[in-house]
Amino acid sequence: MRRLVPAGSVYYARVRAGEGAAARDASPDELVEAARRAWAAPLSTSCGRPAEGMPLIEKAMRLDPHYPYIYRFWLGHALQSLGRYDEAATALQRVVDLQPDFFGGHLHAAAVHGCAGDIDQAHREAAEVLRLRPSFSIRREAAKLPYRDGAILQRVVDGWRQAGLPE
């Protein structure tokens, strides 16, 4: 079965294929296929199977040294869902360093730090969330998240509460 992938991501992989192939001995076709598979990773996480998506992201990151920041975000998101908060915090910190105005990076970083008990950093991330989206509320955001596993959603919400985000 063929998966649908946003055309821009395949285009991105093809454009980057020359550099990535030379740097990692991957063919352009391998880079395109890795990009296609990486886009499936967040679906695995949302369906409660984050461990299935992680190797797809990691392979795409290995093959393309110029991978987009969203791959690192998806990796952090999967690690968060697995309860591997220290690793998730590292991945998400790199995301927000590269993209300081990326709402999702700060939002998940706030939850990760809250769940890990790093309340000071959770509060700093919560301040960024509110800077980027002043009308944020846990209730509205939680209703949008597509987690099938209610336990994962509850951990995320608990992390936001620890971070001090408004209900």
Foldseek 3Di string as FASTA:
>chain_A
DDDDDPPVQLVVLLVQQVVLCVVQVDHSVRLSVLSRLLVCQLVCVQAVRNVVNLVSLVVNCNSGVPDDLVSLQSNLSSCLLVVVLVSSLVSLVVSCVVVVLDLSSLLQNLLSCLLVVVQVVNLVSLVSNCVNPVVDALVVVLVPRRHPDVVSSVSSSSSNVSNPHHD
